[in-house]
Amino acid sequence: MSRICDLTGKKAIGGNSVSHSNIKTKRKFNPNLQIKKFYIPEENDWITLKVSTSALKNINKKGITACLKEALDKGFLK
């Protein structure tokens, strides 16, 4: 499975590892993804999402239904 957040669309980005002698080698920065189950009271159902920790903070702030609606509007969820 790909390492992409279901709600925000965050994915891995590229960068450099820099050694003490300033030698640069390519590396990848992966997002901090967690697999979580959420209860949707409107549908009376549980869903499992792979979300970043920043998306979890947004869910705690706004609620799961508002975050799902935003993700649908932006096209991250199908």
N, C-alpha and C. Protein backbone atom coordinates (compact mmCIF):
# COMPACT_ATOMS: atom_id res chain seq x y z
N MET A 1 0.84 -1.18 0.00
CA MET A 1 0.00 0.00 0.00
C MET A 1 0.88 1.25 0.00
N SER A 2 0.37 2.30 -0.59
CA SER A 2 1.14 3.52 -0.67
C SER A 2 1.09 4.28 0.64
N ARG A 3 2.12 5.05 0.88
CA ARG A 3 2.20 5.85 2.11
C ARG A 3 1.63 7.24 1.85
N ILE A 4 0.31 7.31 1.72
CA ILE A 4 -0.38 8.56 1.47
C ILE A 4 -1.52 8.69 2.48
N CYS A 5 -1.65 9.87 3.07
CA CYS A 5 -2.73 10.12 4.03
C CYS A 5 -4.05 10.17 3.28
N ASP A 6 -5.07 9.49 3.82
CA ASP A 6 -6.38 9.45 3.17
C ASP A 6 -7.11 10.78 3.24
N LEU A 7 -6.84 11.58 4.26
CA LEU A 7 -7.59 12.83 4.44
C LEU A 7 -6.88 14.05 3.90
N THR A 8 -5.56 14.12 4.03
CA THR A 8 -4.84 15.33 3.61
C THR A 8 -4.05 15.14 2.32
N GLY A 9 -3.81 13.91 1.91
CA GLY A 9 -3.04 13.66 0.69
C GLY A 9 -1.54 13.78 0.89
N LYS A 10 -1.08 13.86 2.14
CA LYS A 10 0.36 13.94 2.38
C LYS A 10 1.03 12.67 1.91
N LYS A 11 2.22 12.82 1.31
CA LYS A 11 2.98 11.67 0.86
C LYS A 11 4.46 11.94 1.04
N ALA A 12 5.29 10.97 0.70
CA ALA A 12 6.73 11.09 0.90
C ALA A 12 7.31 12.17 0.00
N ILE A 13 8.31 12.89 0.55
CA ILE A 13 9.03 13.88 -0.24
C ILE A 13 10.51 13.54 -0.20
N GLY A 14 11.25 14.03 -1.17
CA GLY A 14 12.67 13.75 -1.26
C GLY A 14 13.50 14.84 -0.62
N GLY A 15 14.72 14.45 -0.26
CA GLY A 15 15.65 15.41 0.33
C GLY A 15 17.03 14.81 0.38
N ASN A 16 17.89 15.41 1.18
CA ASN A 16 19.26 14.96 1.30
C ASN A 16 19.59 14.61 2.74
N SER A 17 20.37 13.55 2.91
CA SER A 17 21.04 13.30 4.18
C SER A 17 22.38 14.01 4.08
N VAL A 18 22.69 14.80 5.08
CA VAL A 18 23.94 15.57 5.06
C VAL A 18 24.84 15.05 6.16
N SER A 19 26.00 14.56 5.78
CA SER A 19 26.94 14.02 6.76
C SER A 19 27.74 15.15 7.42
N HIS A 20 28.55 14.77 8.39
CA HIS A 20 29.38 15.74 9.09
C HIS A 20 30.34 16.43 8.13
N SER A 21 30.80 15.68 7.10
CA SER A 21 31.71 16.26 6.11
C SER A 21 30.96 16.93 4.96
N ASN A 22 29.64 17.14 5.14
CA ASN A 22 28.78 17.85 4.19
C ASN A 22 28.59 17.09 2.88
N ILE A 23 28.71 15.76 2.90
CA ILE A 23 28.42 14.95 1.73
C ILE A 23 26.92 14.69 1.72
N LYS A 24 26.28 14.94 0.58
CA LYS A 24 24.83 14.81 0.49
C LYS A 24 24.46 13.55 -0.29
N THR A 25 23.57 12.76 0.28
CA THR A 25 23.02 11.59 -0.39
C THR A 25 21.51 11.68 -0.31
N LYS A 26 20.84 11.19 -1.34
CA LYS A 26 19.39 11.28 -1.42
C LYS A 26 18.72 10.41 -0.36
N ARG A 27 17.62 10.90 0.19
CA ARG A 27 16.82 10.15 1.14
C ARG A 27 15.37 10.53 0.97
N LYS A 28 14.50 9.83 1.69
CA LYS A 28 13.06 10.07 1.58
C LYS A 28 12.51 10.41 2.96
N PHE A 29 11.65 11.42 3.02
CA PHE A 29 10.95 11.80 4.25
C PHE A 29 9.53 11.29 4.15
N ASN A 30 9.19 10.27 4.93
CA ASN A 30 7.85 9.70 4.91
C ASN A 30 6.97 10.42 5.93
N PRO A 31 5.69 10.57 5.63
CA PRO A 31 4.79 11.17 6.62
C PRO A 31 4.52 10.21 7.77
N ASN A 32 4.16 10.76 8.91
CA ASN A 32 3.87 9.95 10.09
C ASN A 32 2.42 9.46 9.99
N LEU A 33 2.23 8.28 9.42
CA LEU A 33 0.89 7.74 9.18
C LEU A 33 0.50 6.74 10.25
N GLN A 34 -0.75 6.79 10.64
CA GLN A 34 -1.32 5.87 11.61
C GLN A 34 -2.59 5.27 11.01
N ILE A 35 -2.84 4.00 11.29
CA ILE A 35 -4.08 3.36 10.85
C ILE A 35 -5.05 3.42 12.02
N LYS A 36 -6.18 4.11 11.82
CA LYS A 36 -7.15 4.34 12.89
C LYS A 36 -8.55 3.99 12.42
N LYS A 37 -9.38 3.55 13.37
CA LYS A 37 -10.79 3.30 13.11
C LYS A 37 -11.59 4.46 13.69
N PHE A 38 -12.53 4.96 12.91
CA PHE A 38 -13.37 6.07 13.34
C PHE A 38 -14.83 5.66 13.24
N TYR A 39 -15.62 6.12 14.21
CA TYR A 39 -17.05 5.87 14.22
C TYR A 39 -17.77 7.05 13.60
N ILE A 40 -18.62 6.78 12.60
CA ILE A 40 -19.42 7.81 11.94
C ILE A 40 -20.84 7.68 12.49
N PRO A 41 -21.27 8.59 13.38
CA PRO A 41 -22.60 8.44 13.98
C PRO A 41 -23.74 8.62 12.98
N GLU A 42 -23.56 9.45 11.94
CA GLU A 42 -24.61 9.67 10.95
C GLU A 42 -24.92 8.39 10.18
N GLU A 43 -23.88 7.60 9.90
CA GLU A 43 -24.06 6.35 9.15
C GLU A 43 -24.14 5.14 10.08
N ASN A 44 -23.90 5.35 11.38
CA ASN A 44 -23.89 4.27 12.36
C ASN A 44 -22.93 3.16 11.93
N ASP A 45 -21.71 3.56 11.54
CA ASP A 45 -20.74 2.62 10.98
C ASP A 45 -19.33 3.03 11.38
N TRP A 46 -18.42 2.07 11.35
CA TRP A 46 -17.00 2.30 11.60
C TRP A 46 -16.25 2.30 10.27
N ILE A 47 -15.26 3.18 10.12
CA ILE A 47 -14.39 3.16 8.95
C ILE A 47 -12.94 3.14 9.41
N THR A 48 -12.08 2.55 8.61
CA THR A 48 -10.66 2.50 8.89
C THR A 48 -9.94 3.39 7.88
N LEU A 49 -9.14 4.31 8.39
CA LEU A 49 -8.41 5.24 7.54
C LEU A 49 -6.93 5.23 7.91
N LYS A 50 -6.09 5.49 6.91
CA LYS A 50 -4.67 5.70 7.14
C LYS A 50 -4.46 7.22 7.12
N VAL A 51 -4.24 7.80 8.30
CA VAL A 51 -4.19 9.26 8.43
C VAL A 51 -2.86 9.69 9.04
N SER A 52 -2.44 10.90 8.69
CA SER A 52 -1.25 11.48 9.30
C SER A 52 -1.61 12.01 10.68
N THR A 53 -0.60 12.24 11.50
CA THR A 53 -0.86 12.73 12.85
C THR A 53 -1.41 14.15 12.83
N SER A 54 -1.06 14.94 11.83
CA SER A 54 -1.65 16.28 11.72
C SER A 54 -3.13 16.18 11.36
N ALA A 55 -3.51 15.17 10.58
CA ALA A 55 -4.92 14.96 10.27
C ALA A 55 -5.68 14.52 11.51
N LEU A 56 -5.03 13.75 12.40
CA LEU A 56 -5.67 13.36 13.65
C LEU A 56 -5.96 14.58 14.52
N LYS A 57 -5.05 15.55 14.52
CA LYS A 57 -5.29 16.78 15.27
C LYS A 57 -6.48 17.55 14.70
N ASN A 58 -6.59 17.55 13.37
CA ASN A 58 -7.74 18.22 12.73
C ASN A 58 -9.03 17.49 13.06
N ILE A 59 -9.01 16.16 13.12
CA ILE A 59 -10.20 15.39 13.46
C ILE A 59 -10.64 15.70 14.88
N ASN A 60 -9.67 15.80 15.80
CA ASN A 60 -10.00 16.13 17.18
C ASN A 60 -10.59 17.54 17.28
N LYS A 61 -10.14 18.43 16.41
CA LYS A 61 -10.60 19.82 16.47
C LYS A 61 -11.96 20.00 15.79
N LYS A 62 -12.11 19.48 14.56
CA LYS A 62 -13.30 19.74 13.74
C LYS A 62 -14.34 18.63 13.81
N GLY A 63 -13.89 17.40 14.03
CA GLY A 63 -14.79 16.25 13.98
C GLY A 63 -14.55 15.45 12.71
N ILE A 64 -14.87 14.17 12.76
CA ILE A 64 -14.58 13.28 11.64
C ILE A 64 -15.45 13.58 10.43
N THR A 65 -16.71 13.95 10.64
CA THR A 65 -17.59 14.18 9.48
C THR A 65 -17.16 15.41 8.70
N ALA A 66 -16.73 16.46 9.39
CA ALA A 66 -16.26 17.67 8.69
C ALA A 66 -14.98 17.38 7.92
N CYS A 67 -14.08 16.60 8.50
CA CYS A 67 -12.83 16.26 7.83
C CYS A 67 -13.07 15.36 6.62
N LEU A 68 -14.01 14.43 6.73
CA LEU A 68 -14.35 13.58 5.59
C LEU A 68 -14.96 14.40 4.46
N LYS A 69 -15.80 15.38 4.82
CA LYS A 69 -16.41 16.23 3.80
C LYS A 69 -15.35 17.05 3.07
N GLU A 70 -14.38 17.60 3.81
CA GLU A 70 -13.29 18.35 3.19
C GLU A 70 -12.47 17.47 2.26
N ALA A 71 -12.17 16.24 2.69
CA ALA A 71 -11.37 15.33 1.87
C ALA A 71 -12.12 14.96 0.59
N LEU A 72 -13.44 14.78 0.68
CA LEU A 72 -14.23 14.50 -0.53
C LEU A 72 -14.22 15.69 -1.47
N ASP A 73 -14.33 16.90 -0.94
CA ASP A 73 -14.32 18.10 -1.78
C ASP A 73 -12.98 18.28 -2.49
N LYS A 74 -11.88 17.95 -1.78
CA LYS A 74 -10.55 18.09 -2.38
C LYS A 74 -10.18 16.93 -3.27
N GLY A 75 -10.93 15.82 -3.22
CA GLY A 75 -10.69 14.69 -4.09
C GLY A 75 -9.76 13.64 -3.53
N PHE A 76 -9.46 13.67 -2.22
CA PHE A 76 -8.57 12.67 -1.64
C PHE A 76 -9.30 11.37 -1.37
N LEU A 77 -10.58 11.43 -1.09
CA LEU A 77 -11.39 10.23 -0.89
C LEU A 77 -12.27 10.00 -2.10
N LYS A 78 -12.60 8.73 -2.33
CA LYS A 78 -13.44 8.40 -3.48
C LYS A 78 -14.83 8.09 -3.03
